[in-house]
N, C-alpha and C. Protein backbone atom coordinates (compact mmCIF):
# COMPACT_ATOMS: atom_id res chain seq x y z
N MET A 1 166.94 -21.91 -138.25
CA MET A 1 166.20 -22.98 -138.90
C MET A 1 167.14 -24.08 -139.41
N GLU A 2 168.40 -24.03 -138.99
CA GLU A 2 169.36 -25.02 -139.47
C GLU A 2 168.95 -26.45 -139.13
N ALA A 3 168.50 -26.67 -137.92
CA ALA A 3 168.11 -28.03 -137.51
C ALA A 3 166.93 -28.53 -138.34
N SER A 4 165.97 -27.66 -138.59
CA SER A 4 164.81 -28.04 -139.41
C SER A 4 165.24 -28.33 -140.84
N PHE A 5 166.11 -27.48 -141.40
CA PHE A 5 166.59 -27.71 -142.75
C PHE A 5 167.32 -29.05 -142.84
N GLU A 6 168.21 -29.30 -141.91
CA GLU A 6 168.98 -30.54 -141.95
C GLU A 6 168.08 -31.77 -141.80
N ARG A 7 167.08 -31.67 -140.97
CA ARG A 7 166.12 -32.77 -140.80
C ARG A 7 165.32 -32.98 -142.09
N ASP A 8 164.84 -31.88 -142.69
CA ASP A 8 164.08 -31.99 -143.94
C ASP A 8 164.98 -32.45 -145.09
N PHE A 9 166.22 -32.03 -145.08
CA PHE A 9 167.13 -32.47 -146.12
C PHE A 9 167.35 -33.98 -146.05
N ALA A 10 167.44 -34.53 -144.87
CA ALA A 10 167.62 -35.98 -144.73
C ALA A 10 166.46 -36.73 -145.38
N VAL A 11 165.27 -36.19 -145.28
CA VAL A 11 164.11 -36.80 -145.94
C VAL A 11 164.20 -36.58 -147.45
N ALA A 12 164.51 -35.35 -147.86
CA ALA A 12 164.58 -35.01 -149.29
C ALA A 12 165.67 -35.80 -150.00
N ALA A 13 166.73 -36.14 -149.30
CA ALA A 13 167.83 -36.90 -149.90
C ALA A 13 167.35 -38.24 -150.45
N LYS A 14 166.33 -38.79 -149.85
CA LYS A 14 165.77 -40.06 -150.34
C LYS A 14 165.15 -39.88 -151.72
N TYR A 15 164.58 -38.71 -151.98
CA TYR A 15 163.96 -38.45 -153.27
C TYR A 15 165.01 -38.28 -154.36
N ILE A 16 166.03 -37.50 -154.08
CA ILE A 16 167.06 -37.31 -155.09
C ILE A 16 167.81 -38.62 -155.34
N GLY A 17 168.01 -39.39 -154.28
CA GLY A 17 168.72 -40.66 -154.41
C GLY A 17 167.96 -41.71 -155.20
N ALA A 18 166.66 -41.52 -155.34
CA ALA A 18 165.82 -42.48 -156.08
C ALA A 18 165.72 -42.13 -157.56
N THR A 19 166.44 -41.11 -157.99
CA THR A 19 166.37 -40.65 -159.38
C THR A 19 167.35 -41.42 -160.26
N GLU A 20 166.87 -41.82 -161.43
CA GLU A 20 167.74 -42.51 -162.39
C GLU A 20 168.88 -41.58 -162.79
N GLY A 21 170.10 -42.08 -162.68
CA GLY A 21 171.28 -41.30 -163.02
C GLY A 21 171.96 -40.66 -161.83
N TYR A 22 171.38 -40.76 -160.66
CA TYR A 22 171.99 -40.24 -159.43
C TYR A 22 173.14 -41.15 -159.03
N ILE A 23 174.26 -40.55 -158.61
CA ILE A 23 175.40 -41.32 -158.13
C ILE A 23 175.58 -41.13 -156.62
N ALA A 24 175.76 -39.87 -156.20
CA ALA A 24 176.01 -39.59 -154.78
C ALA A 24 175.83 -38.09 -154.53
N HIS A 25 175.78 -37.72 -153.26
CA HIS A 25 175.74 -36.31 -152.91
C HIS A 25 176.46 -36.08 -151.58
N ARG A 26 176.83 -34.82 -151.36
CA ARG A 26 177.40 -34.37 -150.09
C ARG A 26 176.77 -33.03 -149.76
N LEU A 27 176.29 -32.91 -148.54
CA LEU A 27 175.80 -31.63 -148.03
C LEU A 27 176.80 -31.18 -146.98
N MET A 28 177.35 -30.00 -147.19
CA MET A 28 178.35 -29.47 -146.26
C MET A 28 177.85 -28.15 -145.67
N LYS A 29 178.14 -27.96 -144.39
CA LYS A 29 177.74 -26.76 -143.67
C LYS A 29 178.95 -25.85 -143.52
N CYS A 30 178.76 -24.58 -143.82
CA CYS A 30 179.85 -23.60 -143.73
C CYS A 30 180.23 -23.36 -142.27
N LEU A 31 181.52 -23.34 -142.01
CA LEU A 31 182.01 -23.10 -140.65
C LEU A 31 182.04 -21.61 -140.31
N GLU A 32 182.23 -20.76 -141.32
CA GLU A 32 182.37 -19.33 -141.07
C GLU A 32 181.05 -18.56 -141.09
N GLU A 33 180.06 -19.08 -141.78
CA GLU A 33 178.82 -18.34 -141.98
C GLU A 33 177.61 -19.18 -141.59
N ALA A 34 176.80 -18.68 -140.69
CA ALA A 34 175.60 -19.41 -140.27
C ALA A 34 174.63 -19.54 -141.43
N ASN A 35 173.88 -20.61 -141.42
CA ASN A 35 172.82 -20.84 -142.41
C ASN A 35 173.32 -20.96 -143.84
N LYS A 36 174.58 -21.32 -144.03
CA LYS A 36 175.12 -21.46 -145.37
C LYS A 36 175.58 -22.90 -145.58
N TYR A 37 175.16 -23.47 -146.70
CA TYR A 37 175.45 -24.86 -147.02
C TYR A 37 175.93 -24.96 -148.47
N LEU A 38 176.64 -26.04 -148.74
CA LEU A 38 177.04 -26.37 -150.10
C LEU A 38 176.58 -27.79 -150.37
N LEU A 39 175.84 -27.96 -151.45
CA LEU A 39 175.38 -29.27 -151.86
C LEU A 39 176.08 -29.64 -153.16
N VAL A 40 176.77 -30.77 -153.16
CA VAL A 40 177.41 -31.28 -154.36
C VAL A 40 176.75 -32.62 -154.68
N VAL A 41 176.19 -32.71 -155.88
CA VAL A 41 175.52 -33.94 -156.30
C VAL A 41 176.24 -34.47 -157.54
N GLU A 42 176.53 -35.75 -157.52
CA GLU A 42 177.13 -36.39 -158.69
C GLU A 42 176.04 -37.10 -159.49
N TRP A 43 176.02 -36.83 -160.79
CA TRP A 43 175.06 -37.42 -161.71
C TRP A 43 175.82 -38.15 -162.80
N LYS A 44 175.20 -39.14 -163.40
CA LYS A 44 175.81 -39.86 -164.52
C LYS A 44 175.89 -38.97 -165.77
N SER A 45 174.97 -38.00 -165.87
CA SER A 45 174.95 -37.08 -167.01
C SER A 45 174.23 -35.81 -166.60
N LEU A 46 174.39 -34.78 -167.40
CA LEU A 46 173.66 -33.53 -167.18
C LEU A 46 172.16 -33.78 -167.21
N GLU A 47 171.72 -34.61 -168.15
CA GLU A 47 170.30 -34.90 -168.30
C GLU A 47 169.72 -35.64 -167.10
N ALA A 48 170.54 -36.40 -166.41
CA ALA A 48 170.06 -37.08 -165.21
C ALA A 48 169.53 -36.06 -164.21
N HIS A 49 170.19 -34.90 -164.14
CA HIS A 49 169.72 -33.84 -163.25
C HIS A 49 168.62 -33.01 -163.89
N THR A 50 168.91 -32.48 -165.08
CA THR A 50 168.00 -31.50 -165.67
C THR A 50 166.70 -32.10 -166.20
N ILE A 51 166.72 -33.37 -166.57
CA ILE A 51 165.51 -34.01 -167.09
C ILE A 51 164.97 -35.04 -166.10
N ASN A 52 165.79 -36.05 -165.78
CA ASN A 52 165.31 -37.13 -164.91
C ASN A 52 164.82 -36.62 -163.57
N PHE A 53 165.61 -35.76 -162.92
CA PHE A 53 165.22 -35.27 -161.60
C PHE A 53 164.27 -34.10 -161.68
N ARG A 54 164.62 -33.09 -162.44
CA ARG A 54 163.84 -31.86 -162.45
C ARG A 54 162.42 -32.02 -163.00
N THR A 55 162.17 -33.06 -163.77
CA THR A 55 160.81 -33.26 -164.30
C THR A 55 160.09 -34.40 -163.59
N SER A 56 160.63 -34.86 -162.49
CA SER A 56 160.09 -36.04 -161.80
C SER A 56 159.16 -35.68 -160.65
N PRO A 57 158.34 -36.63 -160.23
CA PRO A 57 157.56 -36.44 -159.00
C PRO A 57 158.47 -36.29 -157.77
N GLN A 58 159.63 -36.91 -157.81
CA GLN A 58 160.58 -36.77 -156.69
C GLN A 58 160.98 -35.31 -156.50
N TYR A 59 161.18 -34.60 -157.61
CA TYR A 59 161.56 -33.18 -157.52
C TYR A 59 160.45 -32.36 -156.88
N GLN A 60 159.22 -32.70 -157.16
CA GLN A 60 158.10 -31.97 -156.56
C GLN A 60 158.11 -32.14 -155.04
N GLU A 61 158.44 -33.33 -154.57
CA GLU A 61 158.55 -33.56 -153.13
C GLU A 61 159.75 -32.81 -152.55
N TRP A 62 160.87 -32.82 -153.28
CA TRP A 62 162.07 -32.08 -152.89
C TRP A 62 161.73 -30.61 -152.70
N LYS A 63 161.03 -30.04 -153.67
CA LYS A 63 160.62 -28.64 -153.61
C LYS A 63 159.77 -28.36 -152.38
N LYS A 64 158.80 -29.22 -152.12
CA LYS A 64 157.91 -29.02 -150.97
C LYS A 64 158.70 -29.00 -149.66
N LEU A 65 159.68 -29.88 -149.58
CA LEU A 65 160.46 -30.00 -148.35
C LEU A 65 161.48 -28.87 -148.17
N LEU A 66 162.10 -28.42 -149.27
CA LEU A 66 163.27 -27.56 -149.12
C LEU A 66 163.17 -26.14 -149.65
N HIS A 67 162.38 -25.89 -150.66
CA HIS A 67 162.46 -24.58 -151.33
C HIS A 67 162.10 -23.41 -150.43
N HIS A 68 161.30 -23.62 -149.43
CA HIS A 68 160.96 -22.49 -148.54
C HIS A 68 162.13 -22.04 -147.67
N TYR A 69 163.20 -22.84 -147.61
CA TYR A 69 164.38 -22.45 -146.85
C TYR A 69 165.29 -21.50 -147.63
N TYR A 70 165.17 -21.44 -148.94
CA TYR A 70 166.13 -20.72 -149.78
C TYR A 70 165.80 -19.23 -149.88
N ASP A 71 166.77 -18.41 -149.54
CA ASP A 71 166.66 -16.97 -149.71
C ASP A 71 168.07 -16.38 -149.76
N PRO A 72 168.55 -16.12 -150.96
CA PRO A 72 167.94 -16.28 -152.27
C PRO A 72 168.00 -17.74 -152.72
N PHE A 73 167.37 -18.01 -153.87
CA PHE A 73 167.41 -19.35 -154.42
C PHE A 73 168.86 -19.69 -154.77
N PRO A 74 169.29 -20.91 -154.50
CA PRO A 74 170.69 -21.25 -154.73
C PRO A 74 171.08 -21.23 -156.21
N VAL A 75 172.34 -20.94 -156.43
CA VAL A 75 172.91 -21.03 -157.77
C VAL A 75 173.13 -22.51 -158.07
N VAL A 76 172.69 -22.94 -159.24
CA VAL A 76 172.89 -24.33 -159.65
C VAL A 76 173.81 -24.32 -160.86
N GLU A 77 174.95 -24.99 -160.72
CA GLU A 77 175.93 -25.07 -161.80
C GLU A 77 176.32 -26.51 -162.00
N HIS A 78 176.78 -26.82 -163.18
CA HIS A 78 177.16 -28.19 -163.51
C HIS A 78 178.63 -28.23 -163.90
N TYR A 79 179.36 -29.19 -163.37
CA TYR A 79 180.80 -29.30 -163.58
C TYR A 79 181.17 -30.71 -164.00
N VAL A 80 182.35 -30.83 -164.61
CA VAL A 80 182.92 -32.14 -164.93
C VAL A 80 184.34 -32.18 -164.38
N ASP A 81 184.82 -33.38 -164.10
CA ASP A 81 186.19 -33.56 -163.66
C ASP A 81 187.15 -33.23 -164.79
N VAL A 82 188.30 -32.68 -164.45
CA VAL A 82 189.33 -32.42 -165.47
C VAL A 82 190.62 -33.14 -165.09
């Protein structure tokens, strides 16, 4: 289902990109393991992700497009540059 996921992600990226506080993202595909991806999203603040995006109509569309691909649900962590 990689091709379907990548196609749906391209659509979903428009929703996350329309969120206040969004800066940029990168979706990377694992070379060693099939069906494994890493998504890195840059936000202006933690709240831009946890409040602006997660409580938005855009997130509901993101969920519709992508959540059925996850097994298990991805780990979501927040980091800062050091």
